[in-house]
Amino acid sequence: TYAIAGLTQGQRYEFFVVSDGNDDRVLPSAKSSIKSMTLTLPSVSDFTATSTSNTITLTWTEPDPIPSNGYSATRQCRRLCEESFNDNDQKVSSSSPLVFSGINPGSYCEITQFIGTF
């Protein structure tokens, strides 16, 4: 078994097996038998972000029938009177909801990443 990373969904790939013998004769095999398959990336549904004066709560519905191993979200905030983002935080949760707390009142915040691992 050999794991291949970095493949792109929707692309076609051909694989060959090469013998690495001691006698300088290295010939590729015939084309490997590959079953065609289409992978659909799982995605959450009903994704919602709600906020209070000092929290942001993210809620979602898990994809069915593929449960995740967890989710990671990153947020960045800045005071409305400041130009640059100076308050960043990352949270990890195994399921919905995910709560960012301790946000300064009067802040503008963005969720910059929401990633599920499957």
Protein backbone atom coordinates (compact mmCIF):
# COMPACT_ATOMS: atom_id res chain seq x y z
CA THR A 1 0.00 0.00 0.00
CA TYR A 2 1.26 3.45 -0.88
CA ALA A 3 -0.58 6.67 0.04
CA ILE A 4 -0.44 9.49 -2.49
CA ALA A 5 -1.07 13.03 -1.25
CA GLY A 6 -1.93 16.13 -3.23
CA LEU A 7 -4.35 14.65 -5.74
CA THR A 8 -7.01 16.99 -7.06
CA GLN A 9 -10.66 16.02 -7.13
CA GLY A 10 -12.02 15.65 -10.66
CA GLN A 11 -8.61 14.97 -12.27
CA ARG A 12 -7.71 11.67 -13.94
CA TYR A 13 -4.55 9.88 -12.87
CA GLU A 14 -2.71 6.86 -14.28
CA PHE A 15 -0.39 4.77 -12.18
CA PHE A 16 2.44 2.50 -13.23
CA VAL A 17 4.42 0.04 -11.17
CA VAL A 18 8.16 -0.08 -11.89
CA SER A 19 10.43 -2.96 -10.93
CA ASP A 20 13.62 -1.91 -9.21
CA GLY A 21 15.85 -4.91 -9.92
CA ASN A 22 19.56 -5.42 -9.60
CA ASP A 23 20.18 -5.89 -13.33
CA ASP A 24 19.68 -2.34 -14.76
CA ARG A 25 16.51 -3.43 -16.56
CA VAL A 26 13.69 -1.33 -15.15
CA LEU A 27 10.51 -1.55 -17.18
CA PRO A 28 7.15 -0.02 -16.36
CA SER A 29 4.24 -2.35 -15.85
CA ALA A 30 1.11 -2.30 -17.95
CA LYS A 31 -1.41 0.34 -16.88
CA SER A 32 -2.82 -0.47 -13.51
CA SER A 33 -6.47 -1.31 -13.25
CA ILE A 34 -8.08 1.71 -11.64
CA LYS A 35 -11.74 1.95 -10.86
CA SER A 36 -13.18 5.35 -11.62
CA MET A 37 -14.71 7.04 -8.65
CA THR A 38 -16.04 10.44 -7.83
CA LEU A 39 -15.44 11.86 -4.41
CA THR A 40 -17.77 14.43 -2.97
CA LEU A 41 -16.30 16.61 -0.32
CA PRO A 42 -18.46 16.65 2.79
CA SER A 43 -19.84 20.01 3.84
CA VAL A 44 -21.85 21.23 6.77
CA SER A 45 -25.29 22.72 6.35
CA ASP A 46 -27.27 25.33 8.27
CA PHE A 47 -24.06 27.19 9.16
CA THR A 48 -24.93 30.17 11.36
CA ALA A 49 -22.90 32.78 13.21
CA THR A 50 -24.58 34.74 15.98
CA SER A 51 -23.03 37.34 18.25
CA THR A 52 -23.52 39.21 21.48
CA SER A 53 -21.47 42.14 22.73
CA ASN A 54 -18.55 39.84 23.63
CA THR A 55 -19.13 36.41 22.00
CA ILE A 56 -19.49 34.81 18.57
CA THR A 57 -21.23 31.45 18.40
CA LEU A 58 -20.94 29.22 15.31
CA THR A 59 -23.52 26.47 14.83
CA TRP A 60 -23.94 23.95 12.02
CA THR A 61 -25.40 20.60 11.06
CA GLU A 62 -22.95 17.74 10.50
CA PRO A 63 -22.76 16.21 7.01
CA ASP A 64 -24.63 12.94 6.71
CA PRO A 65 -23.57 10.13 6.74
CA ILE A 66 -19.94 11.20 7.25
CA PRO A 67 -19.19 12.32 10.82
CA SER A 68 -16.20 14.57 11.31
CA ASN A 69 -13.19 14.16 13.56
CA GLY A 70 -13.56 17.79 14.62
CA TYR A 71 -13.71 21.38 13.45
CA SER A 72 -11.34 24.31 13.68
CA ALA A 73 -12.33 27.95 13.29
CA THR A 74 -10.22 31.08 13.29
CA ARG A 75 -11.45 34.59 13.94
CA GLN A 76 -9.78 37.96 13.83
CA CYS A 77 -11.09 41.16 15.41
CA ARG A 78 -10.24 44.83 15.51
CA ARG A 79 -11.73 47.80 17.28
CA LEU A 80 -13.89 49.87 14.96
CA CYS A 81 -11.56 52.84 15.48
CA GLU A 82 -8.46 50.82 14.46
CA GLU A 83 -7.33 49.81 10.98
CA SER A 84 -5.48 46.58 11.64
CA PHE A 85 -6.70 43.32 13.14
CA ASN A 86 -5.01 42.86 16.50
CA ASP A 87 -7.08 40.22 18.26
CA ASN A 88 -6.86 36.72 16.76
CA ASP A 89 -8.09 33.43 18.16
CA GLN A 90 -8.46 29.84 17.01
CA LYS A 91 -10.85 27.32 18.55
CA VAL A 92 -11.29 23.59 18.04
CA SER A 93 -14.51 21.70 18.67
CA SER A 94 -15.63 18.15 18.07
CA SER A 95 -19.18 19.27 17.27
CA SER A 96 -21.51 22.25 17.07
CA PRO A 97 -21.55 24.83 18.66
CA LEU A 98 -18.18 26.54 18.75
CA VAL A 99 -17.99 29.69 20.89
CA PHE A 100 -15.49 32.54 20.77
CA SER A 101 -15.72 34.56 23.97
CA GLY A 102 -13.92 37.51 25.53
CA ILE A 103 -14.31 39.74 22.48
CA ASN A 104 -13.95 43.42 23.28
CA PRO A 105 -17.20 45.41 22.87
CA GLY A 106 -17.13 47.66 19.81
CA SER A 107 -15.06 45.17 17.79
CA TYR A 108 -15.41 44.22 14.14
CA CYS A 109 -14.73 40.49 13.72
CA GLU A 110 -14.34 38.08 10.81
CA ILE A 111 -14.37 34.29 10.76
CA THR A 112 -11.40 33.68 8.47
CA GLN A 113 -11.39 29.87 8.48
CA PHE A 114 -13.79 27.06 9.25
CA ILE A 115 -12.30 23.63 8.59
CA GLY A 116 -13.63 20.16 9.30
CA THR A 117 -11.40 17.10 9.43
CA PHE A 118 -12.84 13.83 8.20
